Amino acid sequence: MSLLAVLLTACDPPAPTVVGVASIQTTDCATCEGVCREDSAPVVSRQHRTEDLDYALSPPCGGDHHPCWAAWGVHDTAVRPESWVHNLEHGGVVLLYTADLPGDAREALVAFADSLPPGRVLVTPWDGPMDLEGARVAAVAWEHRLMLGCVDIAAITDFYARWSGRAPEDTFAMPAAECMDSGGAG
């Protein structure tokens, strides 16, 4: 390889690291006019990584993640999955919504989040695809996802009750101060 080729290769940004899953268990549910699926996938690695990650599931429900988790609460701009996956590892539930979700439905998600104990839920827009066609909302916990075509507060409440606090680490803490200016702050 020529010196120029080596230098050009060194300047190319690295490809995202792919975070895969071993298997997935799926259960269809009967809300949101049938656009509803709950699934679970065992997490095979939960290493701290600083590079961009490409998750096998969209949205992800665990795996390698950024060392800084995101601030708990409601975010108006999308938080990087590498950050909020760390929130999942800490026992949190992340509520995602797509840009085409009506404003009143988003307000219902925010009201639900505001009704919960602090340091346990994060709400953020989601600009990626979802693994369920027609899904516009997802509730995600460590190794578990609920994808919906609408905001069904009863289904989200049930999901939250079953999976909040059930992760490898359980903390209500906000991220460290040094994380607040990084990708973890959202």
N, C-alpha and C. Protein backbone atom coordinates (compact mmCIF):
# COMPACT_ATOMS: atom_id res chain seq x y z
N MET A 1 0.85 -1.16 0.00
CA MET A 1 0.00 0.00 0.00
C MET A 1 0.90 1.23 0.00
N SER A 2 0.55 2.21 -0.80
CA SER A 2 1.36 3.43 -0.89
C SER A 2 1.19 4.27 0.36
N LEU A 3 2.14 5.19 0.58
CA LEU A 3 2.05 6.08 1.72
C LEU A 3 0.80 6.94 1.65
N LEU A 4 0.43 7.39 0.42
CA LEU A 4 -0.77 8.19 0.26
C LEU A 4 -2.01 7.39 0.66
N ALA A 5 -2.08 6.14 0.26
CA ALA A 5 -3.23 5.29 0.61
C ALA A 5 -3.32 5.10 2.12
N VAL A 6 -2.17 4.92 2.77
CA VAL A 6 -2.15 4.76 4.22
C VAL A 6 -2.65 6.03 4.89
N LEU A 7 -2.18 7.20 4.42
CA LEU A 7 -2.61 8.46 5.01
C LEU A 7 -4.10 8.70 4.79
N LEU A 8 -4.60 8.40 3.59
CA LEU A 8 -6.02 8.59 3.31
C LEU A 8 -6.87 7.66 4.17
N THR A 9 -6.43 6.44 4.33
CA THR A 9 -7.16 5.49 5.17
C THR A 9 -7.18 5.96 6.62
N ALA A 10 -6.07 6.52 7.07
CA ALA A 10 -6.01 7.00 8.45
C ALA A 10 -6.95 8.17 8.69
N CYS A 11 -7.29 8.93 7.64
CA CYS A 11 -8.17 10.08 7.77
C CYS A 11 -9.65 9.72 7.67
N ASP A 12 -9.96 8.54 7.14
CA ASP A 12 -11.35 8.12 7.01
C ASP A 12 -11.93 7.88 8.40
N PRO A 13 -13.15 8.37 8.64
CA PRO A 13 -13.76 8.06 9.94
C PRO A 13 -14.02 6.56 10.03
N PRO A 14 -13.86 6.00 11.20
CA PRO A 14 -14.10 4.56 11.33
C PRO A 14 -15.59 4.24 11.15
N ALA A 15 -15.85 3.06 10.64
CA ALA A 15 -17.23 2.61 10.50
C ALA A 15 -17.78 2.35 11.88
N PRO A 16 -19.09 2.57 12.07
CA PRO A 16 -19.67 2.31 13.40
C PRO A 16 -19.49 0.84 13.78
N THR A 17 -19.27 0.61 15.05
CA THR A 17 -19.20 -0.74 15.56
C THR A 17 -20.61 -1.30 15.62
N VAL A 18 -20.81 -2.50 15.09
CA VAL A 18 -22.13 -3.12 15.08
C VAL A 18 -22.34 -3.86 16.39
N VAL A 19 -23.46 -3.56 17.05
CA VAL A 19 -23.83 -4.23 18.30
C VAL A 19 -24.99 -5.15 17.96
N GLY A 20 -24.77 -6.46 18.03
CA GLY A 20 -25.78 -7.43 17.62
C GLY A 20 -26.53 -8.03 18.79
N VAL A 21 -27.46 -8.92 18.45
CA VAL A 21 -28.23 -9.66 19.44
C VAL A 21 -28.17 -11.13 19.08
N ALA A 22 -28.27 -11.97 20.10
CA ALA A 22 -28.22 -13.41 19.89
C ALA A 22 -29.57 -13.95 19.41
N SER A 23 -30.65 -13.48 20.00
CA SER A 23 -31.98 -13.95 19.63
C SER A 23 -33.00 -12.91 20.08
N ILE A 24 -34.22 -13.04 19.58
CA ILE A 24 -35.26 -12.10 19.97
C ILE A 24 -36.57 -12.87 20.15
N GLN A 25 -37.30 -12.57 21.21
CA GLN A 25 -38.60 -13.17 21.48
C GLN A 25 -39.66 -12.09 21.25
N THR A 26 -40.67 -12.38 20.45
CA THR A 26 -41.66 -11.38 20.07
C THR A 26 -43.06 -11.81 20.49
N THR A 27 -43.84 -10.84 21.00
CA THR A 27 -45.24 -11.04 21.33
C THR A 27 -46.04 -9.92 20.71
N ASP A 28 -47.01 -10.25 19.86
CA ASP A 28 -47.88 -9.23 19.32
C ASP A 28 -48.90 -8.85 20.38
N CYS A 29 -49.31 -7.58 20.39
CA CYS A 29 -50.31 -7.13 21.34
C CYS A 29 -51.45 -6.47 20.57
N ALA A 30 -52.55 -6.19 21.24
CA ALA A 30 -53.77 -5.79 20.55
C ALA A 30 -54.19 -4.36 20.85
N THR A 31 -53.30 -3.43 20.74
CA THR A 31 -53.65 -2.03 20.94
C THR A 31 -53.22 -1.24 19.70
N CYS A 32 -53.55 0.02 19.63
CA CYS A 32 -53.14 0.89 18.52
C CYS A 32 -53.50 0.29 17.16
N GLU A 33 -54.70 -0.24 17.08
CA GLU A 33 -55.21 -0.84 15.84
C GLU A 33 -54.26 -1.91 15.28
N GLY A 34 -53.65 -2.66 16.18
CA GLY A 34 -52.79 -3.76 15.78
C GLY A 34 -51.34 -3.39 15.54
N VAL A 35 -51.00 -2.10 15.56
CA VAL A 35 -49.60 -1.70 15.42
C VAL A 35 -49.01 -1.70 16.82
N CYS A 36 -48.68 -2.89 17.29
CA CYS A 36 -48.22 -3.07 18.66
C CYS A 36 -47.43 -4.37 18.75
N ARG A 37 -46.21 -4.26 19.26
CA ARG A 37 -45.41 -5.47 19.46
C ARG A 37 -44.48 -5.26 20.64
N GLU A 38 -44.45 -6.25 21.51
CA GLU A 38 -43.48 -6.25 22.60
C GLU A 38 -42.48 -7.35 22.31
N ASP A 39 -41.21 -7.04 22.51
CA ASP A 39 -40.20 -8.07 22.30
C ASP A 39 -39.08 -7.94 23.32
N SER A 40 -38.26 -8.95 23.36
CA SER A 40 -37.12 -8.95 24.26
C SER A 40 -35.95 -9.62 23.56
N ALA A 41 -34.76 -9.17 23.91
CA ALA A 41 -33.54 -9.72 23.32
C ALA A 41 -32.45 -9.70 24.39
N PRO A 42 -31.79 -10.82 24.62
CA PRO A 42 -30.72 -10.82 25.61
C PRO A 42 -29.55 -9.95 25.14
N VAL A 43 -28.97 -9.22 26.06
CA VAL A 43 -27.82 -8.38 25.74
C VAL A 43 -26.56 -9.19 25.97
N VAL A 44 -25.69 -9.22 24.96
CA VAL A 44 -24.49 -10.04 25.03
C VAL A 44 -23.25 -9.26 25.44
N SER A 45 -23.31 -7.92 25.40
CA SER A 45 -22.17 -7.10 25.80
C SER A 45 -22.69 -5.74 26.28
N ARG A 46 -22.02 -5.19 27.27
CA ARG A 46 -22.40 -3.87 27.78
C ARG A 46 -21.16 -3.07 28.13
N GLN A 47 -20.26 -3.01 27.18
CA GLN A 47 -19.00 -2.30 27.34
C GLN A 47 -19.17 -0.80 27.10
N HIS A 48 -18.33 -0.01 27.75
CA HIS A 48 -18.29 1.43 27.46
C HIS A 48 -17.45 1.65 26.21
N ARG A 49 -18.04 2.33 25.23
CA ARG A 49 -17.39 2.59 23.95
C ARG A 49 -17.56 4.06 23.61
N THR A 50 -16.55 4.66 23.01
CA THR A 50 -16.65 6.08 22.66
C THR A 50 -16.92 6.30 21.18
N GLU A 51 -16.81 5.27 20.37
CA GLU A 51 -17.08 5.43 18.94
C GLU A 51 -18.58 5.32 18.66
N ASP A 52 -18.98 5.72 17.45
CA ASP A 52 -20.38 5.55 17.04
C ASP A 52 -20.68 4.06 16.98
N LEU A 53 -21.90 3.70 17.36
CA LEU A 53 -22.31 2.30 17.35
C LEU A 53 -23.49 2.12 16.40
N ASP A 54 -23.56 0.98 15.80
CA ASP A 54 -24.67 0.63 14.91
C ASP A 54 -25.36 -0.58 15.54
N TYR A 55 -26.54 -0.36 16.08
CA TYR A 55 -27.25 -1.41 16.79
C TYR A 55 -28.05 -2.28 15.82
N ALA A 56 -28.13 -3.57 16.10
CA ALA A 56 -28.87 -4.51 15.26
C ALA A 56 -30.37 -4.28 15.36
N LEU A 57 -30.85 -3.82 16.52
CA LEU A 57 -32.27 -3.55 16.70
C LEU A 57 -32.50 -2.04 16.63
N SER A 58 -33.66 -1.66 16.12
CA SER A 58 -33.99 -0.25 16.00
C SER A 58 -35.40 0.00 16.51
N PRO A 59 -35.54 0.60 17.69
CA PRO A 59 -34.50 1.11 18.58
C PRO A 59 -33.85 -0.02 19.38
N PRO A 60 -32.61 0.22 19.84
CA PRO A 60 -31.92 -0.82 20.62
C PRO A 60 -32.51 -0.94 22.03
N CYS A 61 -32.28 -2.11 22.64
CA CYS A 61 -32.74 -2.32 24.02
C CYS A 61 -31.59 -2.79 24.90
N GLY A 62 -30.39 -2.33 24.58
CA GLY A 62 -29.22 -2.66 25.38
C GLY A 62 -28.02 -2.86 24.50
N GLY A 63 -26.91 -3.15 25.14
CA GLY A 63 -25.66 -3.39 24.43
C GLY A 63 -24.59 -2.41 24.84
N ASP A 64 -23.50 -2.41 24.09
CA ASP A 64 -22.43 -1.47 24.35
C ASP A 64 -22.98 -0.05 24.25
N HIS A 65 -22.34 0.89 24.93
CA HIS A 65 -22.89 2.24 25.00
C HIS A 65 -21.80 3.22 25.41
N HIS A 66 -22.12 4.50 25.31
CA HIS A 66 -21.19 5.56 25.68
C HIS A 66 -20.99 5.56 27.20
N PRO A 67 -19.81 5.93 27.69
CA PRO A 67 -19.59 5.98 29.14
C PRO A 67 -20.50 6.99 29.86
N CYS A 68 -20.93 8.03 29.15
CA CYS A 68 -21.82 9.03 29.75
C CYS A 68 -23.26 8.73 29.39
N TRP A 69 -24.13 8.63 30.39
CA TRP A 69 -25.54 8.46 30.10
C TRP A 69 -26.18 9.83 29.97
N ALA A 70 -27.40 9.86 29.47
CA ALA A 70 -28.09 11.12 29.24
C ALA A 70 -28.79 11.59 30.51
N ALA A 71 -29.01 12.89 30.60
CA ALA A 71 -29.77 13.43 31.72
C ALA A 71 -31.19 12.88 31.66
N TRP A 72 -31.70 12.46 32.80
CA TRP A 72 -33.08 11.98 32.88
C TRP A 72 -34.03 13.11 32.56
N GLY A 73 -35.22 12.80 32.10
CA GLY A 73 -36.24 13.80 31.86
C GLY A 73 -36.62 13.89 30.39
N VAL A 74 -37.22 15.00 30.03
CA VAL A 74 -37.76 15.21 28.69
C VAL A 74 -36.75 16.01 27.87
N HIS A 75 -36.45 15.52 26.68
CA HIS A 75 -35.52 16.18 25.75
C HIS A 75 -36.30 16.58 24.50
N ASP A 76 -36.09 17.81 24.05
CA ASP A 76 -36.76 18.28 22.83
C ASP A 76 -36.00 17.92 21.57
N THR A 77 -34.71 17.64 21.70
CA THR A 77 -33.92 17.19 20.55
C THR A 77 -33.46 15.76 20.81
N ALA A 78 -33.24 15.03 19.76
CA ALA A 78 -32.90 13.61 19.87
C ALA A 78 -31.61 13.39 20.64
N VAL A 79 -31.67 12.47 21.58
CA VAL A 79 -30.49 12.04 22.34
C VAL A 79 -29.90 10.84 21.60
N ARG A 80 -28.59 10.82 21.49
CA ARG A 80 -27.92 9.70 20.81
C ARG A 80 -28.22 8.39 21.51
N PRO A 81 -28.53 7.34 20.74
CA PRO A 81 -28.79 6.04 21.37
C PRO A 81 -27.61 5.54 22.20
N GLU A 82 -26.39 5.82 21.78
CA GLU A 82 -25.22 5.38 22.55
C GLU A 82 -25.27 5.90 23.98
N SER A 83 -25.91 7.06 24.18
CA SER A 83 -26.03 7.63 25.53
C SER A 83 -27.21 7.04 26.27
N TRP A 84 -28.41 7.04 25.66
CA TRP A 84 -29.57 6.57 26.41
C TRP A 84 -29.57 5.06 26.63
N VAL A 85 -28.82 4.30 25.84
CA VAL A 85 -28.69 2.86 26.14
C VAL A 85 -28.04 2.70 27.51
N HIS A 86 -27.15 3.62 27.85
CA HIS A 86 -26.53 3.59 29.19
C HIS A 86 -27.60 3.83 30.26
N ASN A 87 -28.58 4.72 29.98
CA ASN A 87 -29.69 4.91 30.92
C ASN A 87 -30.45 3.60 31.13
N LEU A 88 -30.61 2.83 30.06
CA LEU A 88 -31.29 1.54 30.19
C LEU A 88 -30.53 0.63 31.13
N GLU A 89 -29.19 0.61 31.00
CA GLU A 89 -28.36 -0.23 31.86
C GLU A 89 -28.52 0.17 33.32
N HIS A 90 -28.90 1.43 33.56
CA HIS A 90 -29.10 1.93 34.93
C HIS A 90 -30.53 1.73 35.41
N GLY A 91 -31.31 0.93 34.68
CA GLY A 91 -32.66 0.61 35.13
C GLY A 91 -33.74 1.55 34.64
N GLY A 92 -33.38 2.46 33.76
CA GLY A 92 -34.35 3.43 33.25
C GLY A 92 -35.18 2.89 32.11
N VAL A 93 -36.23 3.64 31.81
CA VAL A 93 -37.08 3.38 30.65
C VAL A 93 -36.99 4.61 29.76
N VAL A 94 -36.77 4.39 28.48
CA VAL A 94 -36.69 5.47 27.51
C VAL A 94 -37.95 5.43 26.66
N LEU A 95 -38.60 6.59 26.54
CA LEU A 95 -39.79 6.73 25.71
C LEU A 95 -39.40 7.51 24.46
N LEU A 96 -39.57 6.88 23.31
CA LEU A 96 -39.18 7.48 22.03
C LEU A 96 -40.43 7.79 21.23
N TYR A 97 -40.37 8.85 20.43
CA TYR A 97 -41.48 9.17 19.55
C TYR A 97 -40.94 9.74 18.24
N THR A 98 -41.65 9.46 17.16
CA THR A 98 -41.24 9.93 15.84
C THR A 98 -41.79 11.33 15.58
N ALA A 99 -41.23 11.98 14.58
CA ALA A 99 -41.61 13.37 14.25
C ALA A 99 -43.06 13.49 13.84
N ASP A 100 -43.66 12.41 13.30
CA ASP A 100 -45.05 12.49 12.83
C ASP A 100 -46.08 12.20 13.93
N LEU A 101 -45.63 12.06 15.18
CA LEU A 101 -46.57 11.85 16.28
C LEU A 101 -47.30 13.17 16.56
N PRO A 102 -48.63 13.14 16.63
CA PRO A 102 -49.37 14.39 16.91
C PRO A 102 -48.95 15.02 18.24
N GLY A 103 -49.05 16.34 18.32
CA GLY A 103 -48.64 17.08 19.50
C GLY A 103 -49.33 16.65 20.77
N ASP A 104 -50.64 16.35 20.71
CA ASP A 104 -51.36 15.93 21.92
C ASP A 104 -50.86 14.57 22.41
N ALA A 105 -50.45 13.71 21.50
CA ALA A 105 -49.91 12.41 21.89
C ALA A 105 -48.54 12.59 22.57
N ARG A 106 -47.71 13.49 22.02
CA ARG A 106 -46.42 13.80 22.65
C ARG A 106 -46.66 14.37 24.04
N GLU A 107 -47.63 15.25 24.18
CA GLU A 107 -47.94 15.83 25.49
C GLU A 107 -48.37 14.75 26.48
N ALA A 108 -49.07 13.73 26.02
CA ALA A 108 -49.47 12.62 26.90
C ALA A 108 -48.24 11.86 27.38
N LEU A 109 -47.26 11.64 26.50
CA LEU A 109 -46.01 10.97 26.90
C LEU A 109 -45.28 11.80 27.95
N VAL A 110 -45.19 13.10 27.71
CA VAL A 110 -44.51 13.99 28.65
C VAL A 110 -45.23 13.99 30.00
N ALA A 111 -46.55 14.06 30.00
CA ALA A 111 -47.32 14.03 31.25
C ALA A 111 -47.08 12.73 32.00
N PHE A 112 -47.05 11.62 31.26
CA PHE A 112 -46.76 10.32 31.89
C PHE A 112 -45.38 10.36 32.54
N ALA A 113 -44.38 10.82 31.80
CA ALA A 113 -43.01 10.89 32.33
C ALA A 113 -42.95 11.78 33.57
N ASP A 114 -43.64 12.91 33.52
CA ASP A 114 -43.64 13.84 34.65
C ASP A 114 -44.31 13.25 35.89
N SER A 115 -45.16 12.24 35.72
CA SER A 115 -45.85 11.62 36.85
C SER A 115 -45.00 10.59 37.58
N LEU A 116 -43.84 10.26 37.02
CA LEU A 116 -42.99 9.21 37.57
C LEU A 116 -41.91 9.78 38.49
N PRO A 117 -41.32 8.93 39.33
CA PRO A 117 -40.23 9.41 40.18
C PRO A 117 -39.08 9.96 39.33
N PRO A 118 -38.41 11.00 39.78
CA PRO A 118 -37.28 11.54 39.01
C PRO A 118 -36.17 10.51 38.87
N GLY A 119 -35.44 10.60 37.78
CA GLY A 119 -34.28 9.73 37.59
C GLY A 119 -34.62 8.33 37.16
N ARG A 120 -35.73 8.15 36.48
CA ARG A 120 -36.11 6.81 36.06
C ARG A 120 -36.58 6.74 34.62
N VAL A 121 -36.88 7.89 34.01
CA VAL A 121 -37.41 7.88 32.64
C VAL A 121 -36.77 9.01 31.83
N LEU A 122 -36.65 8.76 30.55
CA LEU A 122 -36.11 9.73 29.61
C LEU A 122 -37.04 9.72 28.40
N VAL A 123 -37.43 10.90 27.92
CA VAL A 123 -38.28 11.03 26.74
C VAL A 123 -37.46 11.76 25.68
N THR A 124 -37.41 11.22 24.48
CA THR A 124 -36.62 11.84 23.41
C THR A 124 -37.23 11.54 22.05
N PRO A 125 -37.11 12.50 21.12
CA PRO A 125 -37.50 12.18 19.75
C PRO A 125 -36.63 11.05 19.20
N TRP A 126 -37.16 10.31 18.25
CA TRP A 126 -36.44 9.22 17.59
C TRP A 126 -36.50 9.47 16.09
N ASP A 127 -35.34 9.65 15.48
CA ASP A 127 -35.33 9.93 14.05
C ASP A 127 -34.91 8.73 13.21
N GLY A 128 -34.71 7.59 13.84
CA GLY A 128 -34.36 6.38 13.10
C GLY A 128 -35.61 5.56 12.79
N PRO A 129 -35.44 4.49 12.06
CA PRO A 129 -36.58 3.59 11.79
C PRO A 129 -36.91 2.79 13.05
N MET A 130 -38.10 2.22 13.06
CA MET A 130 -38.46 1.27 14.12
C MET A 130 -38.67 -0.09 13.46
N ASP A 131 -38.34 -1.13 14.19
CA ASP A 131 -38.42 -2.48 13.65
C ASP A 131 -39.86 -2.95 13.41
N LEU A 132 -40.84 -2.20 13.83
CA LEU A 132 -42.24 -2.52 13.57
C LEU A 132 -42.81 -1.46 12.64
N GLU A 133 -43.25 -1.89 11.47
CA GLU A 133 -43.80 -0.95 10.50
C GLU A 133 -45.01 -0.23 11.09
N GLY A 134 -45.03 1.09 10.94
CA GLY A 134 -46.14 1.90 11.44
C GLY A 134 -45.97 2.37 12.87
N ALA A 135 -44.94 1.89 13.57
CA ALA A 135 -44.72 2.30 14.96
C ALA A 135 -44.25 3.75 15.00
N ARG A 136 -44.82 4.51 15.94
CA ARG A 136 -44.43 5.91 16.13
C ARG A 136 -44.00 6.20 17.55
N VAL A 137 -44.14 5.21 18.41
CA VAL A 137 -43.80 5.34 19.83
C VAL A 137 -43.13 4.05 20.27
N ALA A 138 -42.12 4.18 21.12
CA ALA A 138 -41.51 2.98 21.71
C ALA A 138 -41.20 3.26 23.17
N ALA A 139 -41.43 2.27 24.00
CA ALA A 139 -40.96 2.26 25.38
C ALA A 139 -39.87 1.20 25.41
N VAL A 140 -38.71 1.59 25.90
CA VAL A 140 -37.56 0.69 25.85
C VAL A 140 -36.95 0.58 27.24
N ALA A 141 -36.67 -0.64 27.67
CA ALA A 141 -35.97 -0.93 28.92
C ALA A 141 -34.85 -1.92 28.58
N TRP A 142 -34.00 -2.20 29.54
CA TRP A 142 -32.89 -3.13 29.30
C TRP A 142 -33.45 -4.48 28.86
N GLU A 143 -33.13 -4.89 27.64
CA GLU A 143 -33.51 -6.16 27.02
C GLU A 143 -34.99 -6.25 26.62
N HIS A 144 -35.74 -5.15 26.70
CA HIS A 144 -37.18 -5.18 26.40
C HIS A 144 -37.61 -3.95 25.62
N ARG A 145 -38.55 -4.15 24.67
CA ARG A 145 -39.10 -3.05 23.89
C ARG A 145 -40.59 -3.23 23.71
N LEU A 146 -41.30 -2.10 23.69
CA LEU A 146 -42.71 -2.06 23.33
C LEU A 146 -42.81 -1.01 22.23
N MET A 147 -43.22 -1.42 21.04
CA MET A 147 -43.37 -0.49 19.92
C MET A 147 -44.84 -0.37 19.58
N LEU A 148 -45.30 0.88 19.42
CA LEU A 148 -46.72 1.17 19.25
C LEU A 148 -46.94 2.14 18.09
N GLY A 149 -48.11 2.05 17.49
CA GLY A 149 -48.50 3.00 16.46
C GLY A 149 -49.19 4.22 17.03
N CYS A 150 -49.45 4.22 18.34
CA CYS A 150 -50.13 5.33 19.01
C CYS A 150 -49.61 5.41 20.43
N VAL A 151 -50.06 6.41 21.17
CA VAL A 151 -49.72 6.50 22.59
C VAL A 151 -50.82 5.78 23.36
N ASP A 152 -50.49 4.64 23.92
CA ASP A 152 -51.39 3.88 24.77
C ASP A 152 -50.80 3.93 26.18
N ILE A 153 -51.27 4.88 26.98
CA ILE A 153 -50.70 5.09 28.32
C ILE A 153 -50.85 3.85 29.19
N ALA A 154 -51.95 3.12 29.06
CA ALA A 154 -52.13 1.90 29.86
C ALA A 154 -51.05 0.87 29.53
N ALA A 155 -50.77 0.66 28.25
CA ALA A 155 -49.74 -0.30 27.83
C ALA A 155 -48.35 0.18 28.27
N ILE A 156 -48.08 1.48 28.14
CA ILE A 156 -46.78 2.03 28.53
C ILE A 156 -46.61 1.95 30.04
N THR A 157 -47.68 2.22 30.79
CA THR A 157 -47.63 2.12 32.25
C THR A 157 -47.32 0.69 32.69
N ASP A 158 -47.97 -0.27 32.05
CA ASP A 158 -47.73 -1.69 32.36
C ASP A 158 -46.28 -2.06 32.04
N PHE A 159 -45.79 -1.63 30.88
CA PHE A 159 -44.40 -1.90 30.49
C PHE A 159 -43.45 -1.31 31.53
N TYR A 160 -43.67 -0.05 31.89
CA TYR A 160 -42.83 0.62 32.87
C TYR A 160 -42.83 -0.13 34.21
N ALA A 161 -44.00 -0.54 34.66
CA ALA A 161 -44.11 -1.24 35.94
C ALA A 161 -43.34 -2.57 35.92
N ARG A 162 -43.37 -3.24 34.79
CA ARG A 162 -42.69 -4.54 34.71
C ARG A 162 -41.18 -4.43 34.54
N TRP A 163 -40.66 -3.38 33.87
CA TRP A 163 -39.26 -3.37 33.48
C TRP A 163 -38.41 -2.26 34.08
N SER A 164 -38.99 -1.25 34.68
CA SER A 164 -38.19 -0.20 35.29
C SER A 164 -37.41 -0.76 36.48
N GLY A 165 -36.14 -0.41 36.56
CA GLY A 165 -35.30 -0.86 37.68
C GLY A 165 -34.80 -2.28 37.55
N ARG A 166 -35.04 -2.93 36.42
CA ARG A 166 -34.62 -4.32 36.23
C ARG A 166 -33.52 -4.37 35.17
N ALA A 167 -32.33 -3.99 35.60
CA ALA A 167 -31.18 -3.92 34.70
C ALA A 167 -29.92 -4.24 35.49
N PRO A 168 -28.80 -4.39 34.81
CA PRO A 168 -27.56 -4.75 35.52
C PRO A 168 -27.15 -3.77 36.61
N GLU A 169 -27.42 -2.49 36.42
CA GLU A 169 -27.09 -1.47 37.41
C GLU A 169 -28.38 -0.69 37.69
N ASP A 170 -28.58 -0.28 38.91
CA ASP A 170 -29.80 0.46 39.23
C ASP A 170 -29.41 1.75 39.93
N THR A 171 -29.64 2.88 39.27
CA THR A 171 -29.28 4.16 39.85
C THR A 171 -30.27 5.24 39.45
N PHE A 172 -30.52 6.16 40.33
CA PHE A 172 -31.36 7.32 40.04
C PHE A 172 -30.49 8.54 39.76
N ALA A 173 -29.19 8.39 39.79
CA ALA A 173 -28.27 9.53 39.69
C ALA A 173 -28.30 10.18 38.31
N MET A 174 -28.06 11.47 38.30
CA MET A 174 -27.84 12.18 37.04
C MET A 174 -26.42 11.87 36.59
N PRO A 175 -26.12 12.06 35.31
CA PRO A 175 -24.75 11.81 34.84
C PRO A 175 -23.76 12.75 35.53
N ALA A 176 -22.50 12.34 35.53
CA ALA A 176 -21.44 13.15 36.11
C ALA A 176 -21.34 14.49 35.37
N ALA A 177 -20.85 15.50 36.04
CA ALA A 177 -20.75 16.85 35.46
C ALA A 177 -19.98 16.84 34.15
N GLU A 178 -18.93 16.04 34.05
CA GLU A 178 -18.16 16.00 32.81
C GLU A 178 -18.94 15.41 31.64
N CYS A 179 -20.02 14.73 31.93
CA CYS A 179 -20.86 14.16 30.87
C CYS A 179 -21.87 15.17 30.32
N MET A 180 -22.14 16.20 31.05
CA MET A 180 -23.22 17.11 30.66
C MET A 180 -22.90 17.91 29.41
N ASP A 181 -21.64 18.03 29.01
CA ASP A 181 -21.30 18.72 27.77
C ASP A 181 -20.96 17.74 26.65
N SER A 182 -21.11 16.46 26.91
CA SER A 182 -20.78 15.45 25.90
C SER A 182 -22.08 14.93 25.27
N GLY A 183 -21.96 13.85 24.54
CA GLY A 183 -23.11 13.21 23.93
C GLY A 183 -24.11 12.72 24.94
N GLY A 184 -23.72 12.67 26.21
CA GLY A 184 -24.63 12.18 27.24
C GLY A 184 -25.70 13.17 27.65
N ALA A 185 -25.45 14.44 27.41
CA ALA A 185 -26.40 15.45 27.87
C ALA A 185 -27.63 15.53 27.01
N GLY A 186 -27.53 15.12 25.78
CA GLY A 186 -28.68 15.15 24.90
C GLY A 186 -28.94 16.53 24.44
